[in-house]
PDB file of N, CA and C in Angstrom:
ATOM      1  N   MET A   1      93.430  90.605 167.249  1.00  0.00           N
ATOM      2  CA  MET A   1      94.612  91.167 167.837  1.00  0.00           C
ATOM      3  C   MET A   1      94.659  90.798 169.319  1.00  0.00           C
ATOM      4  N   ALA A   2      95.821  90.386 169.804  1.00  0.00           N
ATOM      5  CA  ALA A   2      95.973  89.979 171.187  1.00  0.00           C
ATOM      6  C   ALA A   2      95.956  91.190 172.117  1.00  0.00           C
ATOM      7  N   LYS A   3      95.288  91.014 173.235  1.00  0.00           N
ATOM      8  CA  LYS A   3      95.225  92.088 174.213  1.00  0.00           C
ATOM      9  C   LYS A   3      96.543  92.124 174.992  1.00  0.00           C
ATOM     10  N   SER A   4      97.147  93.314 175.093  1.00  0.00           N
ATOM     11  CA  SER A   4      98.421  93.407 175.802  1.00  0.00           C
ATOM     12  C   SER A   4      98.189  93.316 177.304  1.00  0.00           C
ATOM     13  N   LYS A   5      99.129  92.706 177.993  1.00  0.00           N
ATOM     14  CA  LYS A   5      99.021  92.552 179.437  1.00  0.00           C
ATOM     15  C   LYS A   5      99.401  93.861 180.116  1.00  0.00           C
ATOM     16  N   THR A   6      98.857  94.058 181.284  1.00  0.00           N
ATOM     17  CA  THR A   6      99.107  95.276 182.035  1.00  0.00           C
ATOM     18  C   THR A   6      99.693  94.916 183.389  1.00  0.00           C
ATOM     19  N   LEU A   7     100.598  95.750 183.858  1.00  0.00           N
ATOM     20  CA  LEU A   7     101.185  95.586 185.179  1.00  0.00           C
ATOM     21  C   LEU A   7     100.713  96.714 186.076  1.00  0.00           C
ATOM     22  N   ARG A   8     100.330  96.382 187.284  1.00  0.00           N
ATOM     23  CA  ARG A   8      99.990  97.396 188.290  1.00  0.00           C
ATOM     24  C   ARG A   8     101.186  97.486 189.234  1.00  0.00           C
ATOM     25  N   ILE A   9     101.820  98.651 189.258  1.00  0.00           N
ATOM     26  CA  ILE A   9     103.047  98.853 190.024  1.00  0.00           C
ATOM     27  C   ILE A   9     102.756  99.822 191.161  1.00  0.00           C
ATOM     28  N   THR A  10     103.100  99.407 192.387  1.00  0.00           N
ATOM     29  CA  THR A  10     102.873 100.225 193.567  1.00  0.00           C
ATOM     30  C   THR A  10     104.202 100.455 194.280  1.00  0.00           C
ATOM     31  N   GLN A  11     104.451 101.702 194.661  1.00  0.00           N
ATOM     32  CA  GLN A  11     105.655 102.018 195.423  1.00  0.00           C
ATOM     33  C   GLN A  11     105.377 101.694 196.882  1.00  0.00           C
ATOM     34  N   ILE A  12     106.173 100.781 197.467  1.00  0.00           N
ATOM     35  CA  ILE A  12     105.930 100.359 198.845  1.00  0.00           C
ATOM     36  C   ILE A  12     106.993 100.861 199.807  1.00  0.00           C
ATOM     37  N   LYS A  13     108.027 101.502 199.287  1.00  0.00           N
ATOM     38  CA  LYS A  13     109.109 101.992 200.126  1.00  0.00           C
ATOM     39  C   LYS A  13     109.581 103.320 199.568  1.00  0.00           C
ATOM     40  N   SER A  14     110.078 104.183 200.425  1.00  0.00           N
ATOM     41  CA  SER A  14     110.532 105.500 200.007  1.00  0.00           C
ATOM     42  C   SER A  14     111.871 105.413 199.278  1.00  0.00           C
ATOM     43  N   GLY A  15     112.092 106.348 198.360  1.00  0.00           N
ATOM     44  CA  GLY A  15     113.358 106.419 197.641  1.00  0.00           C
ATOM     45  C   GLY A  15     114.440 107.155 198.405  1.00  0.00           C
ATOM     46  N   ILE A  16     114.079 107.724 199.565  1.00  0.00           N
ATOM     47  CA  ILE A  16     115.051 108.479 200.372  1.00  0.00           C
ATOM     48  C   ILE A  16     116.142 107.534 200.857  1.00  0.00           C
ATOM     49  N   GLY A  17     117.369 107.942 200.693  1.00  0.00           N
ATOM     50  CA  GLY A  17     118.502 107.149 201.159  1.00  0.00           C
ATOM     51  C   GLY A  17     119.046 106.191 200.121  1.00  0.00           C
ATOM     52  N   TYR A  18     118.407 106.116 198.966  1.00  0.00           N
ATOM     53  CA  TYR A  18     118.881 105.245 197.898  1.00  0.00           C
ATOM     54  C   TYR A  18     119.608 106.071 196.849  1.00  0.00           C
ATOM     55  N   LYS A  19     120.311 105.395 195.982  1.00  0.00           N
ATOM     56  CA  LYS A  19     121.115 106.075 194.963  1.00  0.00           C
ATOM     57  C   LYS A  19     120.241 106.862 193.990  1.00  0.00           C
ATOM     58  N   PRO A  20     120.818 107.889 193.368  1.00  0.00           N
ATOM     59  CA  PRO A  20     120.056 108.704 192.405  1.00  0.00           C
ATOM     60  C   PRO A  20     119.446 107.884 191.273  1.00  0.00           C
ATOM     61  N   LYS A  21     120.092 106.795 190.873  1.00  0.00           N
ATOM     62  CA  LYS A  21     119.550 105.952 189.807  1.00  0.00           C
ATOM     63  C   LYS A  21     118.212 105.336 190.221  1.00  0.00           C
ATOM     64  N   ALA A  22     118.105 104.940 191.489  1.00  0.00           N
ATOM     65  CA  ALA A  22     116.851 104.366 191.981  1.00  0.00           C
ATOM     66  C   ALA A  22     115.751 105.423 191.986  1.00  0.00           C
ATOM     67  N   LYS A  23     116.073 106.635 192.422  1.00  0.00           N
ATOM     68  CA  LYS A  23     115.098 107.721 192.441  1.00  0.00           C
ATOM     69  C   LYS A  23     114.660 108.091 191.028  1.00  0.00           C
ATOM     70  N   ALA A  24     115.616 108.102 190.082  1.00  0.00           N
ATOM     71  CA  ALA A  24     115.289 108.425 188.693  1.00  0.00           C
ATOM     72  C   ALA A  24     114.380 107.356 188.086  1.00  0.00           C
ATOM     73  N   THR A  25     114.586 106.109 188.461  1.00  0.00           N
ATOM     74  CA  THR A  25     113.748 105.024 187.949  1.00  0.00           C
ATOM     75  C   THR A  25     112.321 105.153 188.483  1.00  0.00           C
ATOM     76  N   LEU A  26     112.177 105.507 189.754  1.00  0.00           N
ATOM     77  CA  LEU A  26     110.838 105.741 190.305  1.00  0.00           C
ATOM     78  C   LEU A  26     110.138 106.845 189.526  1.00  0.00           C
ATOM     79  N   LYS A  27     110.853 107.913 189.263  1.00  0.00           N
ATOM     80  CA  LYS A  27     110.278 109.046 188.532  1.00  0.00           C
ATOM     81  C   LYS A  27     109.899 108.631 187.108  1.00  0.00           C
ATOM     82  N   ALA A  28     110.743 107.830 186.463  1.00  0.00           N
ATOM     83  CA  ALA A  28     110.469 107.381 185.096  1.00  0.00           C
ATOM     84  C   ALA A  28     109.229 106.485 185.040  1.00  0.00           C
ATOM     85  N   LEU A  29     108.983 105.748 186.102  1.00  0.00           N
ATOM     86  CA  LEU A  29     107.789 104.909 186.164  1.00  0.00           C
ATOM     87  C   LEU A  29     106.542 105.720 186.493  1.00  0.00           C
ATOM     88  N   GLY A  30     106.721 106.970 186.898  1.00  0.00           N
ATOM     89  CA  GLY A  30     105.588 107.827 187.206  1.00  0.00           C
ATOM     90  C   GLY A  30     105.177 107.778 188.664  1.00  0.00           C
ATOM     91  N   LEU A  31     106.079 107.282 189.510  1.00  0.00           N
ATOM     92  CA  LEU A  31     105.778 107.163 190.935  1.00  0.00           C
ATOM     93  C   LEU A  31     106.399 108.332 191.693  1.00  0.00           C
ATOM     94  N   ARG A  32     105.563 109.037 192.474  1.00  0.00           N
ATOM     95  CA  ARG A  32     106.046 110.189 193.220  1.00  0.00           C
ATOM     96  C   ARG A  32     105.840 110.050 194.714  1.00  0.00           C
ATOM     97  N   LYS A  33     104.844 109.271 195.130  1.00  0.00           N
ATOM     98  CA  LYS A  33     104.486 109.175 196.543  1.00  0.00           C
ATOM     99  C   LYS A  33     104.453 107.720 196.982  1.00  0.00           C
ATOM    100  N   MET A  34     104.543 107.520 198.276  1.00  0.00           N
ATOM    101  CA  MET A  34     104.415 106.184 198.833  1.00  0.00           C
ATOM    102  C   MET A  34     103.010 105.648 198.552  1.00  0.00           C
ATOM    103  N   TYR A  35     102.917 104.380 198.252  1.00  0.00           N
ATOM    104  CA  TYR A  35     101.664 103.670 197.982  1.00  0.00           C
ATOM    105  C   TYR A  35     100.890 104.210 196.787  1.00  0.00           C
ATOM    106  N   GLN A  36     101.556 104.983 195.952  1.00  0.00           N
ATOM    107  CA  GLN A  36     100.941 105.404 194.695  1.00  0.00           C
ATOM    108  C   GLN A  36     100.996 104.227 193.732  1.00  0.00           C
ATOM    109  N   THR A  37      99.965 104.055 192.946  1.00  0.00           N
ATOM    110  CA  THR A  37      99.885 102.947 192.002  1.00  0.00           C
ATOM    111  C   THR A  37      99.746 103.485 190.588  1.00  0.00           C
ATOM    112  N   VAL A  38     100.511 102.884 189.663  1.00  0.00           N
ATOM    113  CA  VAL A  38     100.402 103.218 188.248  1.00  0.00           C
ATOM    114  C   VAL A  38     100.249 101.920 187.469  1.00  0.00           C
ATOM    115  N   GLU A  39      99.702 102.030 186.280  1.00  0.00           N
ATOM    116  CA  GLU A  39      99.574 100.867 185.402  1.00  0.00           C
ATOM    117  C   GLU A  39     100.337 101.121 184.118  1.00  0.00           C
ATOM    118  N   HIS A  40     101.122 100.126 183.717  1.00  0.00           N
ATOM    119  CA  HIS A  40     101.903 100.194 182.489  1.00  0.00           C
ATOM    120  C   HIS A  40     101.699  98.904 181.709  1.00  0.00           C
ATOM    121  N   ASN A  41     101.854  98.988 180.389  1.00  0.00           N
ATOM    122  CA  ASN A  41     101.838  97.782 179.573  1.00  0.00           C
ATOM    123  C   ASN A  41     103.065  96.953 179.893  1.00  0.00           C
ATOM    124  N   ASP A  42     102.898  95.636 179.860  1.00  0.00           N
ATOM    125  CA  ASP A  42     103.998  94.722 180.152  1.00  0.00           C
ATOM    126  C   ASP A  42     104.895  94.638 178.925  1.00  0.00           C
ATOM    127  N   ASN A  43     106.069  95.242 178.997  1.00  0.00           N
ATOM    128  CA  ASN A  43     107.046  95.162 177.921  1.00  0.00           C
ATOM    129  C   ASN A  43     108.444  95.122 178.527  1.00  0.00           C
ATOM    130  N   PRO A  44     109.461  94.776 177.747  1.00  0.00           N
ATOM    131  CA  PRO A  44     110.814  94.633 178.289  1.00  0.00           C
ATOM    132  C   PRO A  44     111.377  95.901 178.933  1.00  0.00           C
ATOM    133  N   VAL A  45     110.993  97.066 178.450  1.00  0.00           N
ATOM    134  CA  VAL A  45     111.498  98.316 179.015  1.00  0.00           C
ATOM    135  C   VAL A  45     111.009  98.478 180.454  1.00  0.00           C
ATOM    136  N   ILE A  46     109.720  98.279 180.666  1.00  0.00           N
ATOM    137  CA  ILE A  46     109.141  98.418 182.006  1.00  0.00           C
ATOM    138  C   ILE A  46     109.677  97.324 182.926  1.00  0.00           C
ATOM    139  N   ARG A  47     109.790  96.106 182.422  1.00  0.00           N
ATOM    140  CA  ARG A  47     110.332  94.997 183.224  1.00  0.00           C
ATOM    141  C   ARG A  47     111.765  95.298 183.662  1.00  0.00           C
ATOM    142  N   GLY A  48     112.554  95.910 182.776  1.00  0.00           N
ATOM    143  CA  GLY A  48     113.929  96.284 183.119  1.00  0.00           C
ATOM    144  C   GLY A  48     113.968  97.304 184.238  1.00  0.00           C
ATOM    145  N   MET A  49     113.068  98.289 184.187  1.00  0.00           N
ATOM    146  CA  MET A  49     113.002  99.294 185.253  1.00  0.00           C
ATOM    147  C   MET A  49     112.608  98.648 186.581  1.00  0.00           C
ATOM    148  N   ILE A  50     111.680  97.713 186.527  1.00  0.00           N
ATOM    149  CA  ILE A  50     111.255  97.019 187.744  1.00  0.00           C
ATOM    150  C   ILE A  50     112.404  96.211 188.327  1.00  0.00           C
ATOM    151  N   ASN A  51     113.202  95.579 187.476  1.00  0.00           N
ATOM    152  CA  ASN A  51     114.316  94.759 187.946  1.00  0.00           C
ATOM    153  C   ASN A  51     115.437  95.578 188.573  1.00  0.00           C
ATOM    154  N   VAL A  52     115.505  96.880 188.274  1.00  0.00           N
ATOM    155  CA  VAL A  52     116.524  97.739 188.868  1.00  0.00           C
ATOM    156  C   VAL A  52     116.186  98.033 190.334  1.00  0.00           C
ATOM    157  N   ILE A  53     114.885  98.182 190.657  1.00  0.00           N
ATOM    158  CA  ILE A  53     114.479  98.562 192.014  1.00  0.00           C
ATOM    159  C   ILE A  53     113.351  97.674 192.560  1.00  0.00           C
ATOM    160  N   PRO A  54     113.516  96.366 192.564  1.00  0.00           N
ATOM    161  CA  PRO A  54     112.428  95.505 193.044  1.00  0.00           C
ATOM    162  C   PRO A  54     112.146  95.674 194.535  1.00  0.00           C
ATOM    163  N   TYR A  55     113.113  96.156 195.292  1.00  0.00           N
ATOM    164  CA  TYR A  55     112.968  96.335 196.726  1.00  0.00           C
ATOM    165  C   TYR A  55     112.112  97.543 197.105  1.00  0.00           C
ATOM    166  N   LEU A  56     111.755  98.370 196.129  1.00  0.00           N
ATOM    167  CA  LEU A  56     110.915  99.537 196.372  1.00  0.00           C
ATOM    168  C   LEU A  56     109.496  99.367 195.837  1.00  0.00           C
ATOM    169  N   LEU A  57     109.246  98.261 195.111  1.00  0.00           N
ATOM    170  CA  LEU A  57     107.994  98.126 194.378  1.00  0.00           C
ATOM    171  C   LEU A  57     107.249  96.845 194.703  1.00  0.00           C
ATOM    172  N   LYS A  58     105.932  96.889 194.468  1.00  0.00           N
ATOM    173  CA  LYS A  58     105.097  95.693 194.453  1.00  0.00           C
ATOM    174  C   LYS A  58     104.461  95.640 193.074  1.00  0.00           C
ATOM    175  N   VAL A  59     104.583  94.520 192.381  1.00  0.00           N
ATOM    176  CA  VAL A  59     104.099  94.410 191.003  1.00  0.00           C
ATOM    177  C   VAL A  59     103.027  93.323 190.940  1.00  0.00           C
ATOM    178  N   GLU A  60     101.899  93.654 190.281  1.00  0.00           N
ATOM    179  CA  GLU A  60     100.805  92.708 190.087  1.00  0.00           C
ATOM    180  C   GLU A  60     100.440  92.659 188.626  1.00  0.00           C
ATOM    181  N   ASN A  61     100.089  91.474 188.132  1.00  0.00           N
ATOM    182  CA  ASN A  61      99.564  91.346 186.774  1.00  0.00           C
ATOM    183  C   ASN A  61      98.084  91.677 186.814  1.00  0.00           C
ATOM    184  N   VAL A  62      97.628  92.416 185.805  1.00  0.00           N
ATOM    185  CA  VAL A  62      96.207  92.789 185.739  1.00  0.00           C
ATOM    186  C   VAL A  62      95.567  92.094 184.564  1.00  0.00           C
TER     187      VAL A  62
END
């Protein structure tokens, strides 16, 4: 079985001053604080969320 790829997502900018959709996307990704890092499996759903707010995130392949 192939090992699924993982993404390490870090919030690099605050959600203050951005639209509610951007804040909701941060919350859906599990990000609450600046420079908090979470890991998610690489799938189209997570990639779509990242593409909505790329200006707030730093994404690394693990």
